[in-house]
N, C-alpha and C. Protein backbone atom coordinates (compact mmCIF):
# COMPACT_ATOMS: atom_id res chain seq x y z
N UNK A 1 -23.91 -55.21 -59.70
CA UNK A 1 -24.09 -55.64 -58.34
C UNK A 1 -24.24 -57.15 -58.31
N UNK A 2 -23.64 -57.77 -57.31
CA UNK A 2 -23.75 -59.22 -57.17
C UNK A 2 -25.14 -59.59 -56.68
N UNK A 3 -25.55 -60.80 -57.00
CA UNK A 3 -26.83 -61.28 -56.49
C UNK A 3 -26.71 -61.71 -55.04
N UNK A 4 -25.53 -62.21 -54.65
CA UNK A 4 -25.31 -62.64 -53.27
C UNK A 4 -23.92 -62.20 -52.82
N UNK A 5 -23.81 -61.91 -51.54
CA UNK A 5 -22.55 -61.50 -50.95
C UNK A 5 -22.18 -62.47 -49.83
N UNK A 6 -20.86 -62.67 -49.62
CA UNK A 6 -20.38 -63.56 -48.57
C UNK A 6 -19.94 -62.72 -47.37
N UNK A 7 -20.70 -62.77 -46.28
CA UNK A 7 -20.38 -62.03 -45.06
C UNK A 7 -19.75 -62.92 -43.99
N UNK A 8 -19.35 -64.12 -44.35
CA UNK A 8 -18.83 -65.07 -43.36
C UNK A 8 -17.51 -64.59 -42.74
N UNK A 9 -16.75 -63.78 -43.44
CA UNK A 9 -15.47 -63.29 -42.92
C UNK A 9 -15.60 -61.87 -42.36
N UNK A 10 -16.81 -61.40 -42.24
CA UNK A 10 -17.04 -60.05 -41.71
C UNK A 10 -16.80 -60.00 -40.21
N UNK A 11 -16.50 -58.83 -39.71
CA UNK A 11 -16.25 -58.64 -38.28
C UNK A 11 -17.46 -57.94 -37.66
N UNK A 12 -17.80 -58.38 -36.45
CA UNK A 12 -18.90 -57.78 -35.72
C UNK A 12 -18.32 -56.85 -34.67
N UNK A 13 -18.78 -55.63 -34.64
CA UNK A 13 -18.30 -54.65 -33.69
C UNK A 13 -19.01 -54.88 -32.36
N UNK A 14 -18.23 -55.07 -31.30
CA UNK A 14 -18.79 -55.36 -29.98
C UNK A 14 -19.25 -54.09 -29.27
N UNK A 15 -18.49 -53.00 -29.40
CA UNK A 15 -18.81 -51.77 -28.69
C UNK A 15 -19.53 -50.81 -29.63
N UNK A 16 -20.29 -49.93 -29.03
CA UNK A 16 -20.96 -48.89 -29.81
C UNK A 16 -19.91 -47.96 -30.40
N UNK A 17 -20.14 -47.47 -31.57
CA UNK A 17 -19.18 -46.57 -32.22
C UNK A 17 -19.07 -45.25 -31.48
N UNK A 18 -20.08 -44.86 -30.72
CA UNK A 18 -20.04 -43.57 -30.03
C UNK A 18 -19.26 -43.62 -28.73
N UNK A 19 -18.81 -44.79 -28.30
CA UNK A 19 -18.09 -44.89 -27.04
C UNK A 19 -16.64 -44.42 -27.19
N UNK A 20 -16.04 -44.63 -28.32
CA UNK A 20 -14.62 -44.32 -28.48
C UNK A 20 -14.37 -42.83 -28.70
N UNK A 21 -13.18 -42.39 -28.31
CA UNK A 21 -12.78 -41.00 -28.51
C UNK A 21 -12.64 -40.67 -30.00
N UNK A 22 -12.29 -41.67 -30.78
CA UNK A 22 -11.99 -41.43 -32.19
C UNK A 22 -13.21 -41.10 -33.03
N UNK A 23 -14.39 -41.43 -32.54
CA UNK A 23 -15.60 -41.18 -33.30
C UNK A 23 -15.92 -39.70 -33.28
N UNK A 24 -16.14 -39.13 -34.43
CA UNK A 24 -16.50 -37.72 -34.53
C UNK A 24 -17.98 -37.62 -34.89
N UNK A 25 -18.65 -36.65 -34.31
CA UNK A 25 -20.06 -36.41 -34.58
C UNK A 25 -20.18 -35.06 -35.26
N UNK A 26 -20.84 -35.04 -36.39
CA UNK A 26 -21.04 -33.78 -37.09
C UNK A 26 -22.28 -33.12 -36.52
N UNK A 27 -22.11 -31.85 -36.13
CA UNK A 27 -23.22 -31.12 -35.53
C UNK A 27 -23.14 -29.66 -35.93
N UNK A 28 -24.15 -28.94 -35.62
CA UNK A 28 -24.17 -27.51 -35.89
C UNK A 28 -24.42 -26.79 -34.57
N UNK A 29 -23.57 -25.81 -34.24
CA UNK A 29 -23.76 -25.05 -33.01
C UNK A 29 -23.71 -23.56 -33.35
N UNK A 30 -24.27 -22.77 -32.46
CA UNK A 30 -24.24 -21.32 -32.63
C UNK A 30 -23.25 -20.73 -31.62
N UNK A 31 -22.28 -19.98 -32.14
CA UNK A 31 -21.25 -19.36 -31.30
C UNK A 31 -21.24 -17.87 -31.62
N UNK A 32 -21.07 -17.05 -30.61
CA UNK A 32 -20.97 -15.61 -30.83
C UNK A 32 -19.82 -15.32 -31.79
N UNK A 33 -20.01 -14.32 -32.64
CA UNK A 33 -19.03 -14.01 -33.69
C UNK A 33 -17.65 -13.67 -33.11
N UNK A 34 -17.62 -12.92 -32.00
CA UNK A 34 -16.32 -12.55 -31.42
C UNK A 34 -15.59 -13.78 -30.87
N UNK A 35 -16.33 -14.72 -30.30
CA UNK A 35 -15.72 -15.95 -29.78
C UNK A 35 -15.18 -16.77 -30.93
N UNK A 36 -15.94 -16.86 -32.01
CA UNK A 36 -15.50 -17.64 -33.16
C UNK A 36 -14.25 -17.02 -33.81
N UNK A 37 -14.22 -15.70 -33.89
CA UNK A 37 -13.04 -15.02 -34.44
C UNK A 37 -11.81 -15.29 -33.59
N UNK A 38 -12.00 -15.22 -32.26
CA UNK A 38 -10.89 -15.51 -31.35
C UNK A 38 -10.41 -16.95 -31.51
N UNK A 39 -11.36 -17.88 -31.61
CA UNK A 39 -11.01 -19.30 -31.76
C UNK A 39 -10.22 -19.53 -33.04
N UNK A 40 -10.66 -18.92 -34.13
CA UNK A 40 -9.93 -19.07 -35.39
C UNK A 40 -8.53 -18.47 -35.30
N UNK A 41 -8.40 -17.31 -34.64
CA UNK A 41 -7.08 -16.68 -34.49
C UNK A 41 -6.16 -17.55 -33.65
N UNK A 42 -6.68 -18.10 -32.54
CA UNK A 42 -5.88 -18.99 -31.69
C UNK A 42 -5.47 -20.25 -32.46
N UNK A 43 -6.38 -20.79 -33.22
CA UNK A 43 -6.08 -21.99 -34.01
C UNK A 43 -4.99 -21.69 -35.05
N UNK A 44 -5.06 -20.52 -35.68
CA UNK A 44 -4.02 -20.13 -36.64
C UNK A 44 -2.66 -20.01 -35.96
N UNK A 45 -2.63 -19.42 -34.77
CA UNK A 45 -1.37 -19.28 -34.03
C UNK A 45 -0.75 -20.64 -33.72
N UNK A 46 -1.61 -21.62 -33.42
CA UNK A 46 -1.13 -22.96 -33.04
C UNK A 46 -1.05 -23.91 -34.24
N UNK A 47 -1.36 -23.39 -35.42
CA UNK A 47 -1.32 -24.18 -36.65
C UNK A 47 -2.21 -25.42 -36.55
N UNK A 48 -3.43 -25.21 -36.06
CA UNK A 48 -4.42 -26.28 -35.91
C UNK A 48 -5.72 -25.85 -36.58
N UNK A 49 -6.52 -26.81 -37.01
CA UNK A 49 -7.87 -26.45 -37.42
C UNK A 49 -8.67 -25.99 -36.20
N UNK A 50 -9.57 -25.03 -36.40
CA UNK A 50 -10.30 -24.49 -35.24
C UNK A 50 -11.16 -25.55 -34.58
N UNK A 51 -11.66 -26.54 -35.33
CA UNK A 51 -12.47 -27.60 -34.72
C UNK A 51 -11.62 -28.43 -33.75
N UNK A 52 -10.38 -28.69 -34.11
CA UNK A 52 -9.48 -29.45 -33.25
C UNK A 52 -9.20 -28.69 -31.96
N UNK A 53 -8.97 -27.39 -32.08
CA UNK A 53 -8.70 -26.57 -30.90
C UNK A 53 -9.93 -26.50 -30.00
N UNK A 54 -11.09 -26.32 -30.58
CA UNK A 54 -12.32 -26.30 -29.79
C UNK A 54 -12.52 -27.62 -29.08
N UNK A 55 -12.28 -28.73 -29.76
CA UNK A 55 -12.41 -30.05 -29.16
C UNK A 55 -11.43 -30.21 -28.00
N UNK A 56 -10.20 -29.71 -28.17
CA UNK A 56 -9.20 -29.78 -27.10
C UNK A 56 -9.65 -29.00 -25.87
N UNK A 57 -10.14 -27.77 -26.08
CA UNK A 57 -10.61 -26.96 -24.96
C UNK A 57 -11.78 -27.63 -24.24
N UNK A 58 -12.72 -28.16 -25.00
CA UNK A 58 -13.87 -28.82 -24.38
C UNK A 58 -13.46 -30.08 -23.62
N UNK A 59 -12.50 -30.84 -24.17
CA UNK A 59 -12.02 -32.04 -23.48
C UNK A 59 -11.31 -31.67 -22.18
N UNK A 60 -10.53 -30.59 -22.20
CA UNK A 60 -9.85 -30.14 -20.97
C UNK A 60 -10.87 -29.81 -19.88
N UNK A 61 -11.94 -29.13 -20.26
CA UNK A 61 -12.98 -28.78 -19.28
C UNK A 61 -13.69 -30.04 -18.80
N UNK A 62 -13.98 -30.96 -19.72
CA UNK A 62 -14.69 -32.19 -19.37
C UNK A 62 -13.87 -33.06 -18.42
N UNK A 63 -12.57 -33.14 -18.64
CA UNK A 63 -11.71 -34.01 -17.84
C UNK A 63 -11.31 -33.41 -16.50
N UNK A 64 -11.44 -32.10 -16.37
CA UNK A 64 -11.07 -31.44 -15.12
C UNK A 64 -12.11 -31.77 -14.05
N UNK A 65 -11.67 -32.13 -12.84
CA UNK A 65 -12.64 -32.40 -11.78
C UNK A 65 -13.47 -31.15 -11.48
N UNK A 66 -14.71 -31.36 -11.13
CA UNK A 66 -15.59 -30.23 -10.85
C UNK A 66 -15.15 -29.53 -9.56
N UNK A 67 -15.56 -28.30 -9.42
CA UNK A 67 -15.25 -27.53 -8.22
C UNK A 67 -15.86 -28.21 -7.00
N UNK A 68 -17.06 -28.73 -7.14
CA UNK A 68 -17.73 -29.41 -6.03
C UNK A 68 -16.94 -30.63 -5.56
N UNK A 69 -16.45 -31.43 -6.50
CA UNK A 69 -15.70 -32.62 -6.10
C UNK A 69 -14.36 -32.24 -5.47
N UNK A 70 -13.74 -31.17 -5.95
CA UNK A 70 -12.48 -30.72 -5.35
C UNK A 70 -12.71 -30.19 -3.94
N UNK A 71 -13.80 -29.46 -3.72
CA UNK A 71 -14.11 -28.95 -2.38
C UNK A 71 -14.44 -30.09 -1.42
N UNK A 72 -15.16 -31.08 -1.90
CA UNK A 72 -15.48 -32.23 -1.06
C UNK A 72 -14.21 -32.95 -0.63
N UNK A 73 -13.29 -33.16 -1.54
CA UNK A 73 -12.03 -33.82 -1.20
C UNK A 73 -11.23 -32.99 -0.21
N UNK A 74 -11.23 -31.68 -0.39
CA UNK A 74 -10.52 -30.78 0.51
C UNK A 74 -11.14 -30.82 1.91
N UNK A 75 -12.47 -30.78 1.98
CA UNK A 75 -13.14 -30.86 3.28
C UNK A 75 -12.83 -32.16 4.00
N UNK A 76 -12.83 -33.25 3.28
CA UNK A 76 -12.52 -34.55 3.89
C UNK A 76 -11.10 -34.53 4.47
N UNK A 77 -10.15 -33.98 3.70
CA UNK A 77 -8.78 -33.94 4.15
C UNK A 77 -8.62 -33.03 5.38
N UNK A 78 -9.27 -31.87 5.37
CA UNK A 78 -9.13 -30.92 6.47
C UNK A 78 -9.80 -31.46 7.73
N UNK A 79 -11.03 -31.94 7.61
CA UNK A 79 -11.76 -32.41 8.79
C UNK A 79 -11.20 -33.74 9.32
N UNK A 80 -10.57 -34.52 8.45
CA UNK A 80 -9.94 -35.76 8.89
C UNK A 80 -8.77 -35.42 9.83
N UNK A 81 -8.03 -34.38 9.48
CA UNK A 81 -6.89 -33.95 10.30
C UNK A 81 -7.36 -33.34 11.61
N UNK A 82 -8.53 -32.67 11.60
CA UNK A 82 -9.06 -32.01 12.79
C UNK A 82 -9.56 -33.03 13.82
N UNK A 83 -10.01 -34.18 13.37
CA UNK A 83 -10.55 -35.19 14.30
C UNK A 83 -9.48 -35.93 14.98
């Protein structure tokens, strides 16, 4: 090991590592056995790792507008036309 290191050419990260999509977090979750079996079977059909498929499904749900926000937009559109 060196006695001293030169960090003068090092790069400083401006954003938190957890902000980007590319950052993966290792965690442990409990899933019902039948759901996990289904997930693995679906992942095999699509030739994907089951973690990737689970992440895709969760991202789809996360990115989808909520039912409440969709109803609010619909109400605004309907009542705007009625006035």
